[in-house]
Amino acid sequence: MSFDPMAAAIDWLDAFRSGDLESILKMFADDAVVECGCCLAASVANKDDLRAFWQRRLHDCAPLELDDLEPSGEGILLTYVMRGGLVAATLDFDPIGRIVSLRCDLVSPSPADLARNGIKLASP
């Protein structure tokens, strides 16, 4: 059976949405690197920090729904909706399907976040 990065990315998002910390941690390689530019503005490169990062992220930045999913280099680019807007996450995998790097960035703030910053969206 071969590894399916699309399925692995969906599994990651499902575990994230359900708040399953242990499943999320099992998905990462021991030397995984996480760079978060969407919610916590953090960079993580060891298992202890990874646990603390995800504990906080599950509380503060949980995804609401999948927006898009597509191949990207050695991994997957997925976008998902969270309370603060739309997030793009790139997941790269090792040959056995563990996440070796994850980079996420806020690509579109929510209308409520824009309004808090004094920005009004134009009416259609």
PDB file of N, CA and C in Angstrom:
ATOM      1  N   MET A   1       0.853  -1.189   0.000  1.00  0.00           N
ATOM      2  CA  MET A   1       0.000   0.000   0.000  1.00  0.00           C
ATOM      3  C   MET A   1       0.891   1.243   0.000  1.00  0.00           C
ATOM      4  N   SER A   2       0.602   2.182  -0.872  1.00  0.00           N
ATOM      5  CA  SER A   2       1.402   3.391  -0.939  1.00  0.00           C
ATOM      6  C   SER A   2       0.766   4.510  -0.100  1.00  0.00           C
ATOM      7  N   PHE A   3       1.593   5.448   0.249  1.00  0.00           N
ATOM      8  CA  PHE A   3       1.189   6.588   1.062  1.00  0.00           C
ATOM      9  C   PHE A   3       0.433   7.600   0.193  1.00  0.00           C
ATOM     10  N   ASP A   4      -0.688   8.108   0.697  1.00  0.00           N
ATOM     11  CA  ASP A   4      -1.510   9.095  -0.006  1.00  0.00           C
ATOM     12  C   ASP A   4      -1.444  10.421   0.752  1.00  0.00           C
ATOM     13  N   PRO A   5      -0.648  11.397   0.254  1.00  0.00           N
ATOM     14  CA  PRO A   5      -0.519  12.664   0.977  1.00  0.00           C
ATOM     15  C   PRO A   5      -1.831  13.433   1.122  1.00  0.00           C
ATOM     16  N   MET A   6      -2.722  13.313   0.147  1.00  0.00           N
ATOM     17  CA  MET A   6      -4.022  14.009   0.256  1.00  0.00           C
ATOM     18  C   MET A   6      -4.814  13.451   1.434  1.00  0.00           C
ATOM     19  N   ALA A   7      -4.858  12.136   1.547  1.00  0.00           N
ATOM     20  CA  ALA A   7      -5.571  11.507   2.665  1.00  0.00           C
ATOM     21  C   ALA A   7      -4.924  11.881   3.997  1.00  0.00           C
ATOM     22  N   ALA A   8      -3.585  11.916   4.021  1.00  0.00           N
ATOM     23  CA  ALA A   8      -2.882  12.277   5.257  1.00  0.00           C
ATOM     24  C   ALA A   8      -3.195  13.724   5.663  1.00  0.00           C
ATOM     25  N   ALA A   9      -3.279  14.620   4.685  1.00  0.00           N
ATOM     26  CA  ALA A   9      -3.609  16.022   4.979  1.00  0.00           C
ATOM     27  C   ALA A   9      -5.030  16.134   5.535  1.00  0.00           C
ATOM     28  N   ILE A  10      -5.957  15.372   4.973  1.00  0.00           N
ATOM     29  CA  ILE A  10      -7.335  15.370   5.485  1.00  0.00           C
ATOM     30  C   ILE A  10      -7.373  14.789   6.896  1.00  0.00           C
ATOM     31  N   ASP A  11      -6.609  13.722   7.133  1.00  0.00           N
ATOM     32  CA  ASP A  11      -6.537  13.140   8.486  1.00  0.00           C
ATOM     33  C   ASP A  11      -6.021  14.165   9.479  1.00  0.00           C
ATOM     34  N   TRP A  12      -4.987  14.931   9.074  1.00  0.00           N
ATOM     35  CA  TRP A  12      -4.432  15.969   9.946  1.00  0.00           C
ATOM     36  C   TRP A  12      -5.503  17.026  10.255  1.00  0.00           C
ATOM     37  N   LEU A  13      -6.196  17.493   9.224  1.00  0.00           N
ATOM     38  CA  LEU A  13      -7.224  18.514   9.428  1.00  0.00           C
ATOM     39  C   LEU A  13      -8.359  17.980  10.308  1.00  0.00           C
ATOM     40  N   ASP A  14      -8.770  16.735  10.093  1.00  0.00           N
ATOM     41  CA  ASP A  14      -9.827  16.137  10.915  1.00  0.00           C
ATOM     42  C   ASP A  14      -9.403  16.043  12.387  1.00  0.00           C
ATOM     43  N   ALA A  15      -8.158  15.625  12.624  1.00  0.00           N
ATOM     44  CA  ALA A  15      -7.660  15.543  14.009  1.00  0.00           C
ATOM     45  C   ALA A  15      -7.590  16.934  14.627  1.00  0.00           C
ATOM     46  N   PHE A  16      -7.165  17.908  13.856  1.00  0.00           N
ATOM     47  CA  PHE A  16      -7.090  19.294  14.314  1.00  0.00           C
ATOM     48  C   PHE A  16      -8.489  19.809  14.651  1.00  0.00           C
ATOM     49  N   ARG A  17      -9.435  19.594  13.761  1.00  0.00           N
ATOM     50  CA  ARG A  17     -10.810  20.062  13.992  1.00  0.00           C
ATOM     51  C   ARG A  17     -11.444  19.415  15.215  1.00  0.00           C
ATOM     52  N   SER A  18     -11.130  18.147  15.449  1.00  0.00           N
ATOM     53  CA  SER A  18     -11.741  17.442  16.577  1.00  0.00           C
ATOM     54  C   SER A  18     -10.975  17.644  17.884  1.00  0.00           C
ATOM     55  N   GLY A  19      -9.828  18.318  17.825  1.00  0.00           N
ATOM     56  CA  GLY A  19      -9.059  18.574  19.043  1.00  0.00           C
ATOM     57  C   GLY A  19      -8.298  17.361  19.551  1.00  0.00           C
ATOM     58  N   ASP A  20      -7.955  16.425  18.672  1.00  0.00           N
ATOM     59  CA  ASP A  20      -7.286  15.184  19.055  1.00  0.00           C
ATOM     60  C   ASP A  20      -5.768  15.384  19.080  1.00  0.00           C
ATOM     61  N   LEU A  21      -5.268  15.903  20.192  1.00  0.00           N
ATOM     62  CA  LEU A  21      -3.857  16.243  20.335  1.00  0.00           C
ATOM     63  C   LEU A  21      -2.944  15.046  20.090  1.00  0.00           C
ATOM     64  N   GLU A  22      -3.249  13.897  20.665  1.00  0.00           N
ATOM     65  CA  GLU A  22      -2.369  12.733  20.520  1.00  0.00           C
ATOM     66  C   GLU A  22      -2.280  12.272  19.076  1.00  0.00           C
ATOM     67  N   SER A  23      -3.391  12.283  18.356  1.00  0.00           N
ATOM     68  CA  SER A  23      -3.356  11.901  16.940  1.00  0.00           C
ATOM     69  C   SER A  23      -2.528  12.893  16.133  1.00  0.00           C
ATOM     70  N   ILE A  24      -2.670  14.162  16.416  1.00  0.00           N
ATOM     71  CA  ILE A  24      -1.885  15.183  15.716  1.00  0.00           C
ATOM     72  C   ILE A  24      -0.404  14.941  15.950  1.00  0.00           C
ATOM     73  N   LEU A  25       0.000  14.749  17.196  1.00  0.00           N
ATOM     74  CA  LEU A  25       1.418  14.563  17.507  1.00  0.00           C
ATOM     75  C   LEU A  25       1.991  13.322  16.835  1.00  0.00           C
ATOM     76  N   LYS A  26       1.213  12.257  16.725  1.00  0.00           N
ATOM     77  CA  LYS A  26       1.674  11.028  16.067  1.00  0.00           C
ATOM     78  C   LYS A  26       1.913  11.231  14.579  1.00  0.00           C
ATOM     79  N   MET A  27       1.292  12.250  13.993  1.00  0.00           N
ATOM     80  CA  MET A  27       1.432  12.495  12.561  1.00  0.00           C
ATOM     81  C   MET A  27       2.756  13.168  12.206  1.00  0.00           C
ATOM     82  N   PHE A  28       3.469  13.700  13.193  1.00  0.00           N
ATOM     83  CA  PHE A  28       4.697  14.449  12.941  1.00  0.00           C
ATOM     84  C   PHE A  28       5.937  13.579  13.138  1.00  0.00           C
ATOM     85  N   ALA A  29       6.915  13.753  12.238  1.00  0.00           N
ATOM     86  CA  ALA A  29       8.218  13.104  12.380  1.00  0.00           C
ATOM     87  C   ALA A  29       8.933  13.701  13.598  1.00  0.00           C
ATOM     88  N   ASP A  30       9.877  12.961  14.140  1.00  0.00           N
ATOM     89  CA  ASP A  30      10.606  13.435  15.322  1.00  0.00           C
ATOM     90  C   ASP A  30      11.341  14.743  15.075  1.00  0.00           C
ATOM     91  N   ASP A  31      11.796  14.973  13.849  1.00  0.00           N
ATOM     92  CA  ASP A  31      12.548  16.185  13.531  1.00  0.00           C
ATOM     93  C   ASP A  31      11.705  17.212  12.761  1.00  0.00           C
ATOM     94  N   ALA A  32      10.400  17.128  12.901  1.00  0.00           N
ATOM     95  CA  ALA A  32       9.494  18.035  12.182  1.00  0.00           C
ATOM     96  C   ALA A  32       9.700  19.487  12.601  1.00  0.00           C
ATOM     97  N   VAL A  33       9.436  20.369  11.644  1.00  0.00           N
ATOM     98  CA  VAL A  33       9.506  21.810  11.883  1.00  0.00           C
ATOM     99  C   VAL A  33       8.147  22.404  11.547  1.00  0.00           C
ATOM    100  N   VAL A  34       7.635  23.239  12.446  1.00  0.00           N
ATOM    101  CA  VAL A  34       6.369  23.931  12.231  1.00  0.00           C
ATOM    102  C   VAL A  34       6.635  25.428  12.274  1.00  0.00           C
ATOM    103  N   GLU A  35       6.163  26.127  11.257  1.00  0.00           N
ATOM    104  CA  GLU A  35       6.251  27.579  11.218  1.00  0.00           C
ATOM    105  C   GLU A  35       4.845  28.124  11.075  1.00  0.00           C
ATOM    106  N   CYS A  36       4.377  28.773  12.120  1.00  0.00           N
ATOM    107  CA  CYS A  36       3.011  29.291  12.149  1.00  0.00           C
ATOM    108  C   CYS A  36       3.041  30.803  11.986  1.00  0.00           C
ATOM    109  N   GLY A  37       2.435  31.271  10.923  1.00  0.00           N
ATOM    110  CA  GLY A  37       2.307  32.699  10.708  1.00  0.00           C
ATOM    111  C   GLY A  37       0.857  33.136  10.715  1.00  0.00           C
ATOM    112  N   CYS A  38      -0.034  32.238  11.137  1.00  0.00           N
ATOM    113  CA  CYS A  38      -1.454  32.564  11.034  1.00  0.00           C
ATOM    114  C   CYS A  38      -2.113  32.862  12.371  1.00  0.00           C
ATOM    115  N   CYS A  39      -1.635  32.290  13.428  1.00  0.00           N
ATOM    116  CA  CYS A  39      -2.361  32.422  14.680  1.00  0.00           C
ATOM    117  C   CYS A  39      -1.428  32.735  15.853  1.00  0.00           C
ATOM    118  N   LEU A  40      -0.420  31.917  16.012  1.00  0.00           N
ATOM    119  CA  LEU A  40       0.462  32.071  17.174  1.00  0.00           C
ATOM    120  C   LEU A  40       1.807  32.683  16.836  1.00  0.00           C
ATOM    121  N   ALA A  41       2.104  32.879  15.568  1.00  0.00           N
ATOM    122  CA  ALA A  41       3.394  33.423  15.132  1.00  0.00           C
ATOM    123  C   ALA A  41       4.526  32.726  15.872  1.00  0.00           C
ATOM    124  N   ALA A  42       4.690  31.431  15.605  1.00  0.00           N
ATOM    125  CA  ALA A  42       5.691  30.632  16.295  1.00  0.00           C
ATOM    126  C   ALA A  42       6.426  29.738  15.322  1.00  0.00           C
ATOM    127  N   SER A  43       7.642  29.360  15.719  1.00  0.00           N
ATOM    128  CA  SER A  43       8.411  28.365  14.987  1.00  0.00           C
ATOM    129  C   SER A  43       8.795  27.288  15.988  1.00  0.00           C
ATOM    130  N   VAL A  44       8.544  26.032  15.644  1.00  0.00           N
ATOM    131  CA  VAL A  44       8.736  24.916  16.566  1.00  0.00           C
ATOM    132  C   VAL A  44       9.582  23.854  15.871  1.00  0.00           C
ATOM    133  N   ALA A  45      10.590  23.326  16.587  1.00  0.00           N
ATOM    134  CA  ALA A  45      11.458  22.324  15.973  1.00  0.00           C
ATOM    135  C   ALA A  45      11.835  21.188  16.917  1.00  0.00           C
ATOM    136  N   ASN A  46      11.053  20.959  17.974  1.00  0.00           N
ATOM    137  CA  ASN A  46      11.306  19.788  18.815  1.00  0.00           C
ATOM    138  C   ASN A  46       9.998  19.281  19.408  1.00  0.00           C
ATOM    139  N   LYS A  47      10.009  18.015  19.841  1.00  0.00           N
ATOM    140  CA  LYS A  47       8.775  17.345  20.292  1.00  0.00           C
ATOM    141  C   LYS A  47       8.117  18.037  21.491  1.00  0.00           C
ATOM    142  N   ASP A  48       8.911  18.473  22.473  1.00  0.00           N
ATOM    143  CA  ASP A  48       8.316  19.117  23.650  1.00  0.00           C
ATOM    144  C   ASP A  48       7.602  20.405  23.272  1.00  0.00           C
ATOM    145  N   ASP A  49       8.249  21.209  22.448  1.00  0.00           N
ATOM    146  CA  ASP A  49       7.630  22.458  22.018  1.00  0.00           C
ATOM    147  C   ASP A  49       6.438  22.198  21.097  1.00  0.00           C
ATOM    148  N   LEU A  50       6.508  21.111  20.335  1.00  0.00           N
ATOM    149  CA  LEU A  50       5.406  20.764  19.437  1.00  0.00           C
ATOM    150  C   LEU A  50       4.133  20.476  20.236  1.00  0.00           C
ATOM    151  N   ARG A  51       4.260  19.742  21.325  1.00  0.00           N
ATOM    152  CA  ARG A  51       3.100  19.454  22.179  1.00  0.00           C
ATOM    153  C   ARG A  51       2.502  20.753  22.729  1.00  0.00           C
ATOM    154  N   ALA A  52       3.343  21.629  23.267  1.00  0.00           N
ATOM    155  CA  ALA A  52       2.862  22.895  23.836  1.00  0.00           C
ATOM    156  C   ALA A  52       2.216  23.765  22.752  1.00  0.00           C
ATOM    157  N   PHE A  53       2.832  23.789  21.566  1.00  0.00           N
ATOM    158  CA  PHE A  53       2.284  24.557  20.450  1.00  0.00           C
ATOM    159  C   PHE A  53       0.877  24.084  20.110  1.00  0.00           C
ATOM    160  N   TRP A  54       0.708  22.750  19.944  1.00  0.00           N
ATOM    161  CA  TRP A  54      -0.601  22.231  19.541  1.00  0.00           C
ATOM    162  C   TRP A  54      -1.636  22.350  20.639  1.00  0.00           C
ATOM    163  N   GLN A  55      -1.222  22.235  21.893  1.00  0.00           N
ATOM    164  CA  GLN A  55      -2.188  22.423  22.980  1.00  0.00           C
ATOM    165  C   GLN A  55      -2.794  23.815  22.904  1.00  0.00           C
ATOM    166  N   ARG A  56      -1.971  24.794  22.683  1.00  0.00           N
ATOM    167  CA  ARG A  56      -2.471  26.174  22.583  1.00  0.00           C
ATOM    168  C   ARG A  56      -3.245  26.383  21.288  1.00  0.00           C
ATOM    169  N   ARG A  57      -2.715  25.848  20.208  1.00  0.00           N
ATOM    170  CA  ARG A  57      -3.350  26.049  18.907  1.00  0.00           C
ATOM    171  C   ARG A  57      -4.741  25.418  18.851  1.00  0.00           C
ATOM    172  N   LEU A  58      -4.898  24.253  19.473  1.00  0.00           N
ATOM    173  CA  LEU A  58      -6.211  23.607  19.497  1.00  0.00           C
ATOM    174  C   LEU A  58      -7.237  24.479  20.202  1.00  0.00           C
ATOM    175  N   HIS A  59      -6.793  25.212  21.179  1.00  0.00           N
ATOM    176  CA  HIS A  59      -7.692  26.077  21.941  1.00  0.00           C
ATOM    177  C   HIS A  59      -7.988  27.379  21.200  1.00  0.00           C
ATOM    178  N   ASP A  60      -6.955  27.994  20.621  1.00  0.00           N
ATOM    179  CA  ASP A  60      -7.092  29.343  20.073  1.00  0.00           C
ATOM    180  C   ASP A  60      -7.346  29.426  18.565  1.00  0.00           C
ATOM    181  N   CYS A  61      -6.997  28.384  17.822  1.00  0.00           N
ATOM    182  CA  CYS A  61      -6.968  28.530  16.363  1.00  0.00           C
ATOM    183  C   CYS A  61      -7.584  27.367  15.605  1.00  0.00           C
ATOM    184  N   ALA A  62      -8.533  26.702  16.166  1.00  0.00           N
ATOM    185  CA  ALA A  62      -9.098  25.506  15.539  1.00  0.00           C
ATOM    186  C   ALA A  62      -9.763  25.826  14.199  1.00  0.00           C
ATOM    187  N   PRO A  63      -9.566  24.960  13.207  1.00  0.00           N
ATOM    188  CA  PRO A  63     -10.218  25.158  11.912  1.00  0.00           C
ATOM    189  C   PRO A  63     -11.706  24.837  11.980  1.00  0.00           C
ATOM    190  N   LEU A  64     -12.461  25.501  11.145  1.00  0.00           N
ATOM    191  CA  LEU A  64     -13.894  25.260  11.078  1.00  0.00           C
ATOM    192  C   LEU A  64     -14.248  24.335   9.915  1.00  0.00           C
ATOM    193  N   GLU A  65     -13.651  24.590   8.743  1.00  0.00           N
ATOM    194  CA  GLU A  65     -13.966  23.752   7.583  1.00  0.00           C
ATOM    195  C   GLU A  65     -12.864  23.853   6.532  1.00  0.00           C
ATOM    196  N   LEU A  66     -12.776  22.822   5.714  1.00  0.00           N
ATOM    197  CA  LEU A  66     -11.833  22.781   4.600  1.00  0.00           C
ATOM    198  C   LEU A  66     -12.319  23.719   3.501  1.00  0.00           C
ATOM    199  N   ASP A  67     -11.377  24.454   2.906  1.00  0.00           N
ATOM    200  CA  ASP A  67     -11.696  25.318   1.776  1.00  0.00           C
ATOM    201  C   ASP A  67     -11.200  24.693   0.477  1.00  0.00           C
ATOM    202  N   ASP A  68      -9.918  24.268   0.448  1.00  0.00           N
ATOM    203  CA  ASP A  68      -9.342  23.712  -0.780  1.00  0.00           C
ATOM    204  C   ASP A  68      -8.182  22.797  -0.406  1.00  0.00           C
ATOM    205  N   LEU A  69      -7.846  21.891  -1.326  1.00  0.00           N
ATOM    206  CA  LEU A  69      -6.790  20.902  -1.102  1.00  0.00           C
ATOM    207  C   LEU A  69      -6.158  20.598  -2.451  1.00  0.00           C
ATOM    208  N   GLU A  70      -4.816  20.715  -2.542  1.00  0.00           N
ATOM    209  CA  GLU A  70      -4.140  20.434  -3.804  1.00  0.00           C
ATOM    210  C   GLU A  70      -2.690  20.030  -3.553  1.00  0.00           C
ATOM    211  N   PRO A  71      -2.108  19.237  -4.477  1.00  0.00           N
ATOM    212  CA  PRO A  71      -0.699  18.858  -4.350  1.00  0.00           C
ATOM    213  C   PRO A  71       0.188  20.102  -4.420  1.00  0.00           C
ATOM    214  N   SER A  72       1.331  20.034  -3.718  1.00  0.00           N
ATOM    215  CA  SER A  72       2.282  21.143  -3.727  1.00  0.00           C
ATOM    216  C   SER A  72       3.676  20.579  -3.465  1.00  0.00           C
ATOM    217  N   GLY A  73       4.503  20.522  -4.477  1.00  0.00           N
ATOM    218  CA  GLY A  73       5.858  20.003  -4.319  1.00  0.00           C
ATOM    219  C   GLY A  73       5.835  18.583  -3.773  1.00  0.00           C
ATOM    220  N   GLU A  74       6.482  18.382  -2.629  1.00  0.00           N
ATOM    221  CA  GLU A  74       6.535  17.067  -1.980  1.00  0.00           C
ATOM    222  C   GLU A  74       5.376  16.853  -1.011  1.00  0.00           C
ATOM    223  N   GLY A  75       4.412  17.739  -1.018  1.00  0.00           N
ATOM    224  CA  GLY A  75       3.335  17.621  -0.043  1.00  0.00           C
ATOM    225  C   GLY A  75       2.007  18.135  -0.550  1.00  0.00           C
ATOM    226  N   ILE A  76       1.316  18.792   0.345  1.00  0.00           N
ATOM    227  CA  ILE A  76      -0.052  19.249   0.083  1.00  0.00           C
ATOM    228  C   ILE A  76      -0.203  20.693   0.556  1.00  0.00           C
ATOM    229  N   LEU A  77      -0.921  21.460  -0.224  1.00  0.00           N
ATOM    230  CA  LEU A  77      -1.350  22.796   0.192  1.00  0.00           C
ATOM    231  C   LEU A  77      -2.840  22.708   0.442  1.00  0.00           C
ATOM    232  N   LEU A  78      -3.227  23.028   1.666  1.00  0.00           N
ATOM    233  CA  LEU A  78      -4.662  23.078   1.936  1.00  0.00           C
ATOM    234  C   LEU A  78      -5.002  24.413   2.548  1.00  0.00           C
ATOM    235  N   THR A  79      -6.188  24.855   2.255  1.00  0.00           N
ATOM    236  CA  THR A  79      -6.690  26.071   2.879  1.00  0.00           C
ATOM    237  C   THR A  79      -7.918  25.690   3.680  1.00  0.00           C
ATOM    238  N   TYR A  80      -8.036  26.339   4.821  1.00  0.00           N
ATOM    239  CA  TYR A  80      -9.176  26.076   5.691  1.00  0.00           C
ATOM    240  C   TYR A  80      -9.631  27.364   6.351  1.00  0.00           C
ATOM    241  N   VAL A  81     -10.882  27.366   6.748  1.00  0.00           N
ATOM    242  CA  VAL A  81     -11.494  28.509   7.406  1.00  0.00           C
ATOM    243  C   VAL A  81     -11.359  28.331   8.912  1.00  0.00           C
ATOM    244  N   MET A  82     -10.926  29.379   9.585  1.00  0.00           N
ATOM    245  CA  MET A  82     -10.951  29.414  11.051  1.00  0.00           C
ATOM    246  C   MET A  82     -11.605  30.727  11.457  1.00  0.00           C
ATOM    247  N   ARG A  83     -11.812  30.899  12.746  1.00  0.00           N
ATOM    248  CA  ARG A  83     -12.479  32.119  13.217  1.00  0.00           C
ATOM    249  C   ARG A  83     -11.844  33.385  12.677  1.00  0.00           C
ATOM    250  N   GLY A  84     -10.513  33.420  12.561  1.00  0.00           N
ATOM    251  CA  GLY A  84      -9.811  34.625  12.143  1.00  0.00           C
ATOM    252  C   GLY A  84      -9.716  34.828  10.653  1.00  0.00           C
ATOM    253  N   GLY A  85     -10.209  33.904   9.845  1.00  0.00           N
ATOM    254  CA  GLY A  85     -10.145  34.058   8.403  1.00  0.00           C
ATOM    255  C   GLY A  85      -9.755  32.775   7.701  1.00  0.00           C
ATOM    256  N   LEU A  86      -9.126  32.924   6.543  1.00  0.00           N
ATOM    257  CA  LEU A  86      -8.723  31.799   5.720  1.00  0.00           C
ATOM    258  C   LEU A  86      -7.228  31.559   5.915  1.00  0.00           C
ATOM    259  N   VAL A  87      -6.861  30.292   6.163  1.00  0.00           N
ATOM    260  CA  VAL A  87      -5.470  29.906   6.408  1.00  0.00           C
ATOM    261  C   VAL A  87      -4.997  28.995   5.289  1.00  0.00           C
ATOM    262  N   ALA A  88      -3.778  29.232   4.807  1.00  0.00           N
ATOM    263  CA  ALA A  88      -3.116  28.324   3.868  1.00  0.00           C
ATOM    264  C   ALA A  88      -2.056  27.562   4.649  1.00  0.00           C
ATOM    265  N   ALA A  89      -2.095  26.238   4.558  1.00  0.00           N
ATOM    266  CA  ALA A  89      -1.126  25.391   5.251  1.00  0.00           C
ATOM    267  C   ALA A  89      -0.465  24.464   4.242  1.00  0.00           C
ATOM    268  N   THR A  90       0.855  24.443   4.244  1.00  0.00           N
ATOM    269  CA  THR A  90       1.611  23.529   3.407  1.00  0.00           C
ATOM    270  C   THR A  90       2.187  22.446   4.298  1.00  0.00           C
ATOM    271  N   LEU A  91       1.868  21.198   3.984  1.00  0.00           N
ATOM    272  CA  LEU A  91       2.368  20.051   4.731  1.00  0.00           C
ATOM    273  C   LEU A  91       3.281  19.248   3.821  1.00  0.00           C
ATOM    274  N   ASP A  92       4.520  19.018   4.263  1.00  0.00           N
ATOM    275  CA  ASP A  92       5.454  18.165   3.539  1.00  0.00           C
ATOM    276  C   ASP A  92       5.641  16.895   4.355  1.00  0.00           C
ATOM    277  N   PHE A  93       5.761  15.768   3.654  1.00  0.00           N
ATOM    278  CA  PHE A  93       5.783  14.461   4.299  1.00  0.00           C
ATOM    279  C   PHE A  93       7.071  13.707   4.008  1.00  0.00           C
ATOM    280  N   ASP A  94       7.428  12.809   4.925  1.00  0.00           N
ATOM    281  CA  ASP A  94       8.526  11.882   4.653  1.00  0.00           C
ATOM    282  C   ASP A  94       7.955  10.683   3.885  1.00  0.00           C
ATOM    283  N   PRO A  95       8.800   9.760   3.430  1.00  0.00           N
ATOM    284  CA  PRO A  95       8.306   8.638   2.614  1.00  0.00           C
ATOM    285  C   PRO A  95       7.280   7.732   3.307  1.00  0.00           C
ATOM    286  N   ILE A  96       7.251   7.731   4.640  1.00  0.00           N
ATOM    287  CA  ILE A  96       6.279   6.866   5.313  1.00  0.00           C
ATOM    288  C   ILE A  96       5.037   7.625   5.770  1.00  0.00           C
ATOM    289  N   GLY A  97       4.933   8.899   5.381  1.00  0.00           N
ATOM    290  CA  GLY A  97       3.703   9.643   5.620  1.00  0.00           C
ATOM    291  C   GLY A  97       3.658  10.513   6.850  1.00  0.00           C
ATOM    292  N   ARG A  98       4.799  10.690   7.520  1.00  0.00           N
ATOM    293  CA  ARG A  98       4.804  11.600   8.664  1.00  0.00           C
ATOM    294  C   ARG A  98       5.098  13.018   8.182  1.00  0.00           C
ATOM    295  N   ILE A  99       4.501  13.988   8.856  1.00  0.00           N
ATOM    296  CA  ILE A  99       4.718  15.393   8.500  1.00  0.00           C
ATOM    297  C   ILE A  99       6.119  15.799   8.941  1.00  0.00           C
ATOM    298  N   VAL A 100       6.925  16.314   7.995  1.00  0.00           N
ATOM    299  CA  VAL A 100       8.271  16.785   8.325  1.00  0.00           C
ATOM    300  C   VAL A 100       8.314  18.310   8.398  1.00  0.00           C
ATOM    301  N   SER A 101       7.380  18.960   7.725  1.00  0.00           N
ATOM    302  CA  SER A 101       7.286  20.416   7.871  1.00  0.00           C
ATOM    303  C   SER A 101       5.852  20.862   7.620  1.00  0.00           C
ATOM    304  N   LEU A 102       5.486  21.874   8.372  1.00  0.00           N
ATOM    305  CA  LEU A 102       4.173  22.487   8.225  1.00  0.00           C
ATOM    306  C   LEU A 102       4.380  23.987   8.307  1.00  0.00           C
ATOM    307  N   ARG A 103       3.875  24.686   7.327  1.00  0.00           N
ATOM    308  CA  ARG A 103       3.937  26.143   7.308  1.00  0.00           C
ATOM    309  C   ARG A 103       2.520  26.650   7.098  1.00  0.00           C
ATOM    310  N   CYS A 104       2.043  27.508   7.990  1.00  0.00           N
ATOM    311  CA  CYS A 104       0.696  28.048   7.824  1.00  0.00           C
ATOM    312  C   CYS A 104       0.723  29.569   7.927  1.00  0.00           C
ATOM    313  N   ASP A 105      -0.121  30.194   7.114  1.00  0.00           N
ATOM    314  CA  ASP A 105      -0.220  31.655   7.071  1.00  0.00           C
ATOM    315  C   ASP A 105      -1.666  32.065   6.880  1.00  0.00           C
ATOM    316  N   LEU A 106      -2.041  33.137   7.511  1.00  0.00           N
ATOM    317  CA  LEU A 106      -3.358  33.721   7.299  1.00  0.00           C
ATOM    318  C   LEU A 106      -3.333  34.407   5.942  1.00  0.00           C
ATOM    319  N   VAL A 107      -4.223  33.997   5.049  1.00  0.00           N
ATOM    320  CA  VAL A 107      -4.236  34.585   3.710  1.00  0.00           C
ATOM    321  C   VAL A 107      -5.395  35.542   3.507  1.00  0.00           C
ATOM    322  N   SER A 108      -6.367  35.487   4.377  1.00  0.00           N
ATOM    323  CA  SER A 108      -7.507  36.382   4.260  1.00  0.00           C
ATOM    324  C   SER A 108      -8.163  36.523   5.624  1.00  0.00           C
ATOM    325  N   PRO A 109      -8.079  37.700   6.219  1.00  0.00           N
ATOM    326  CA  PRO A 109      -8.745  37.873   7.516  1.00  0.00           C
ATOM    327  C   PRO A 109     -10.258  37.870   7.373  1.00  0.00           C
ATOM    328  N   SER A 110     -10.924  37.561   8.456  1.00  0.00           N
ATOM    329  CA  SER A 110     -12.382  37.564   8.453  1.00  0.00           C
ATOM    330  C   SER A 110     -12.904  38.998   8.422  1.00  0.00           C
ATOM    331  N   PRO A 111     -14.128  39.199   7.964  1.00  0.00           N
ATOM    332  CA  PRO A 111     -14.723  40.540   7.977  1.00  0.00           C
ATOM    333  C   PRO A 111     -14.735  41.145   9.381  1.00  0.00           C
ATOM    334  N   ALA A 112     -14.966  40.339  10.402  1.00  0.00           N
ATOM    335  CA  ALA A 112     -14.982  40.855  11.781  1.00  0.00           C
ATOM    336  C   ALA A 112     -13.599  41.363  12.182  1.00  0.00           C
ATOM    337  N   ASP A 113     -12.541  40.639  11.800  1.00  0.00           N
ATOM    338  CA  ASP A 113     -11.185  41.096  12.110  1.00  0.00           C
ATOM    339  C   ASP A 113     -10.871  42.400  11.386  1.00  0.00           C
ATOM    340  N   LEU A 114     -11.298  42.489  10.133  1.00  0.00           N
ATOM    341  CA  LEU A 114     -11.089  43.732   9.390  1.00  0.00           C
ATOM    342  C   LEU A 114     -11.812  44.890  10.059  1.00  0.00           C
ATOM    343  N   ALA A 115     -13.047  44.660  10.476  1.00  0.00           N
ATOM    344  CA  ALA A 115     -13.831  45.718  11.110  1.00  0.00           C
ATOM    345  C   ALA A 115     -13.170  46.179  12.407  1.00  0.00           C
ATOM    346  N   ARG A 116     -12.620  45.250  13.190  1.00  0.00           N
ATOM    347  CA  ARG A 116     -11.922  45.618  14.424  1.00  0.00           C
ATOM    348  C   ARG A 116     -10.726  46.518  14.156  1.00  0.00           C
ATOM    349  N   ASN A 117     -10.169  46.397  12.960  1.00  0.00           N
ATOM    350  CA  ASN A 117      -9.015  47.231  12.583  1.00  0.00           C
ATOM    351  C   ASN A 117      -9.435  48.455  11.782  1.00  0.00           C
ATOM    352  N   GLY A 118     -10.734  48.740  11.729  1.00  0.00           N
ATOM    353  CA  GLY A 118     -11.234  49.929  11.084  1.00  0.00           C
ATOM    354  C   GLY A 118     -11.327  49.845   9.576  1.00  0.00           C
ATOM    355  N   ILE A 119     -11.303  48.621   9.041  1.00  0.00           N
ATOM    356  CA  ILE A 119     -11.378  48.431   7.589  1.00  0.00           C
ATOM    357  C   ILE A 119     -12.766  47.921   7.242  1.00  0.00           C
ATOM    358  N   LYS A 120     -13.405  48.597   6.293  1.00  0.00           N
ATOM    359  CA  LYS A 120     -14.744  48.175   5.861  1.00  0.00           C
ATOM    360  C   LYS A 120     -14.643  47.565   4.467  1.00  0.00           C
ATOM    361  N   LEU A 121     -15.332  46.449   4.283  1.00  0.00           N
ATOM    362  CA  LEU A 121     -15.402  45.826   2.970  1.00  0.00           C
ATOM    363  C   LEU A 121     -16.397  46.580   2.113  1.00  0.00           C
ATOM    364  N   ALA A 122     -16.090  46.700   0.835  1.00  0.00           N
ATOM    365  CA  ALA A 122     -17.005  47.353  -0.094  1.00  0.00           C
ATOM    366  C   ALA A 122     -18.219  46.478  -0.297  1.00  0.00           C
ATOM    367  N   SER A 123     -19.376  47.088  -0.388  1.00  0.00           N
ATOM    368  CA  SER A 123     -20.597  46.327  -0.651  1.00  0.00           C
ATOM    369  C   SER A 123     -20.641  45.949  -2.121  1.00  0.00           C
ATOM    370  N   PRO A 124     -21.119  44.731  -2.425  1.00  0.00           N
ATOM    371  CA  PRO A 124     -21.199  44.303  -3.844  1.00  0.00           C
ATOM    372  C   PRO A 124     -22.208  45.112  -4.631  1.00  0.00           C
TER     373      PRO A 124
END
